[in-house]
Amino acid sequence: MIGSVEASQRDFAVSLIERHGIMRLSDLKRRGINPATLARLVDEGILQRPREGYMNVRTPMSTLRIPWPRSQRVFPKA
């Protein structure tokens, strides 16, 4: 029983963060997600903490696509 609750919390947490992009830890706790579950997801590489108190889904750099004109502004000598 506890394993299924943990799995559903994991799925719920990941789906919430995917839907919102980035979420505060306090908002996740308010929705019933245990901080220990989030810590395990970070340890497994599914989530990341871009700043203290915030969570988002880890995205491999290879999946990020910057349009060419914007990349020129970000990297002017590219």
C-alpha atoms as a PDB file:
ATOM      1  CA  MET A   1       0.000   0.000   0.000  1.00  0.00           C
ATOM      2  CA  ILE A   2       2.732   2.482   0.904  1.00  0.00           C
ATOM      3  CA  GLY A   3       4.564   1.804  -2.372  1.00  0.00           C
ATOM      4  CA  SER A   4       1.472   2.668  -4.419  1.00  0.00           C
ATOM      5  CA  VAL A   5       0.918   5.883  -2.451  1.00  0.00           C
ATOM      6  CA  GLU A   6       4.552   6.832  -3.079  1.00  0.00           C
ATOM      7  CA  ALA A   7       4.206   6.075  -6.796  1.00  0.00           C
ATOM      8  CA  SER A   8       1.046   8.132  -7.087  1.00  0.00           C
ATOM      9  CA  GLN A   9       2.691  11.039  -5.229  1.00  0.00           C
ATOM     10  CA  ARG A  10       5.649  10.829  -7.608  1.00  0.00           C
ATOM     11  CA  ASP A  11       3.396  10.814 -10.668  1.00  0.00           C
ATOM     12  CA  PHE A  12       1.264  13.633  -9.277  1.00  0.00           C
ATOM     13  CA  ALA A  13       4.324  15.768  -8.462  1.00  0.00           C
ATOM     14  CA  VAL A  14       5.919  15.270 -11.887  1.00  0.00           C
ATOM     15  CA  SER A  15       2.650  15.969 -13.722  1.00  0.00           C
ATOM     16  CA  LEU A  16       2.069  19.160 -11.708  1.00  0.00           C
ATOM     17  CA  ILE A  17       5.563  20.458 -12.376  1.00  0.00           C
ATOM     18  CA  GLU A  18       5.378  19.527 -16.078  1.00  0.00           C
ATOM     19  CA  ARG A  19       2.080  21.393 -16.360  1.00  0.00           C
ATOM     20  CA  HIS A  20       3.349  24.533 -14.588  1.00  0.00           C
ATOM     21  CA  GLY A  21       6.983  24.446 -15.721  1.00  0.00           C
ATOM     22  CA  ILE A  22       8.380  25.466 -12.353  1.00  0.00           C
ATOM     23  CA  MET A  23       6.797  25.330  -8.919  1.00  0.00           C
ATOM     24  CA  ARG A  24       7.624  26.479  -5.435  1.00  0.00           C
ATOM     25  CA  LEU A  25       8.280  23.809  -2.843  1.00  0.00           C
ATOM     26  CA  SER A  26       5.672  25.382  -0.564  1.00  0.00           C
ATOM     27  CA  ASP A  27       3.003  25.045  -3.295  1.00  0.00           C
ATOM     28  CA  LEU A  28       3.878  21.378  -3.783  1.00  0.00           C
ATOM     29  CA  LYS A  29       3.702  20.734  -0.033  1.00  0.00           C
ATOM     30  CA  ARG A  30       0.341  22.507   0.100  1.00  0.00           C
ATOM     31  CA  ARG A  31      -0.929  20.079  -2.565  1.00  0.00           C
ATOM     32  CA  GLY A  32       0.093  17.113  -0.422  1.00  0.00           C
ATOM     33  CA  ILE A  33       3.468  16.194  -1.924  1.00  0.00           C
ATOM     34  CA  ASN A  34       5.918  14.996   0.709  1.00  0.00           C
ATOM     35  CA  PRO A  35       9.325  16.771   0.581  1.00  0.00           C
ATOM     36  CA  ALA A  36      11.043  13.367   0.900  1.00  0.00           C
ATOM     37  CA  THR A  37       9.358  12.280  -2.352  1.00  0.00           C
ATOM     38  CA  LEU A  38      10.685  15.398  -4.083  1.00  0.00           C
ATOM     39  CA  ALA A  39      14.174  14.791  -2.688  1.00  0.00           C
ATOM     40  CA  ARG A  40      14.142  11.256  -4.122  1.00  0.00           C
ATOM     41  CA  LEU A  41      13.027  12.585  -7.520  1.00  0.00           C
ATOM     42  CA  VAL A  42      15.942  15.055  -7.455  1.00  0.00           C
ATOM     43  CA  ASP A  43      18.380  12.274  -6.491  1.00  0.00           C
ATOM     44  CA  GLU A  44      17.076  10.150  -9.387  1.00  0.00           C
ATOM     45  CA  GLY A  45      17.610  13.034 -11.830  1.00  0.00           C
ATOM     46  CA  ILE A  46      13.936  13.484 -12.720  1.00  0.00           C
ATOM     47  CA  LEU A  47      13.570  16.875 -11.031  1.00  0.00           C
ATOM     48  CA  GLN A  48      16.047  19.634 -10.338  1.00  0.00           C
ATOM     49  CA  ARG A  49      16.239  22.610  -8.017  1.00  0.00           C
ATOM     50  CA  PRO A  50      17.139  25.665 -10.109  1.00  0.00           C
ATOM     51  CA  ARG A  51      16.970  27.827  -6.962  1.00  0.00           C
ATOM     52  CA  GLU A  52      16.346  27.129  -3.324  1.00  0.00           C
ATOM     53  CA  GLY A  53      12.651  26.490  -2.798  1.00  0.00           C
ATOM     54  CA  TYR A  54      11.831  25.880  -6.486  1.00  0.00           C
ATOM     55  CA  MET A  55      11.498  22.672  -8.511  1.00  0.00           C
ATOM     56  CA  ASN A  56      11.303  21.893 -12.214  1.00  0.00           C
ATOM     57  CA  VAL A  57      11.640  18.873 -14.466  1.00  0.00           C
ATOM     58  CA  ARG A  58      15.215  18.240 -15.579  1.00  0.00           C
ATOM     59  CA  THR A  59      15.610  18.856 -19.313  1.00  0.00           C
ATOM     60  CA  PRO A  60      18.652  17.563 -21.183  1.00  0.00           C
ATOM     61  CA  MET A  61      20.481  20.387 -22.960  1.00  0.00           C
ATOM     62  CA  SER A  62      20.154  18.513 -26.270  1.00  0.00           C
ATOM     63  CA  THR A  63      16.372  19.005 -26.227  1.00  0.00           C
ATOM     64  CA  LEU A  64      16.600  22.769 -25.782  1.00  0.00           C
ATOM     65  CA  ARG A  65      16.279  24.624 -29.057  1.00  0.00           C
ATOM     66  CA  ILE A  66      17.104  28.318 -29.270  1.00  0.00           C
ATOM     67  CA  PRO A  67      15.879  29.976 -32.480  1.00  0.00           C
ATOM     68  CA  TRP A  68      18.735  31.386 -34.581  1.00  0.00           C
ATOM     69  CA  PRO A  69      17.989  35.135 -34.114  1.00  0.00           C
ATOM     70  CA  ARG A  70      17.665  34.694 -30.369  1.00  0.00           C
ATOM     71  CA  SER A  71      20.865  32.665 -30.221  1.00  0.00           C
ATOM     72  CA  GLN A  72      22.625  35.563 -31.929  1.00  0.00           C
ATOM     73  CA  ARG A  73      21.512  37.870 -29.128  1.00  0.00           C
ATOM     74  CA  VAL A  74      22.485  35.390 -26.420  1.00  0.00           C
ATOM     75  CA  PHE A  75      25.766  34.423 -28.091  1.00  0.00           C
ATOM     76  CA  PRO A  76      26.687  37.429 -30.283  1.00  0.00           C
ATOM     77  CA  LYS A  77      29.879  35.873 -31.721  1.00  0.00           C
ATOM     78  CA  ALA A  78      28.191  32.579 -32.653  1.00  0.00           C
END
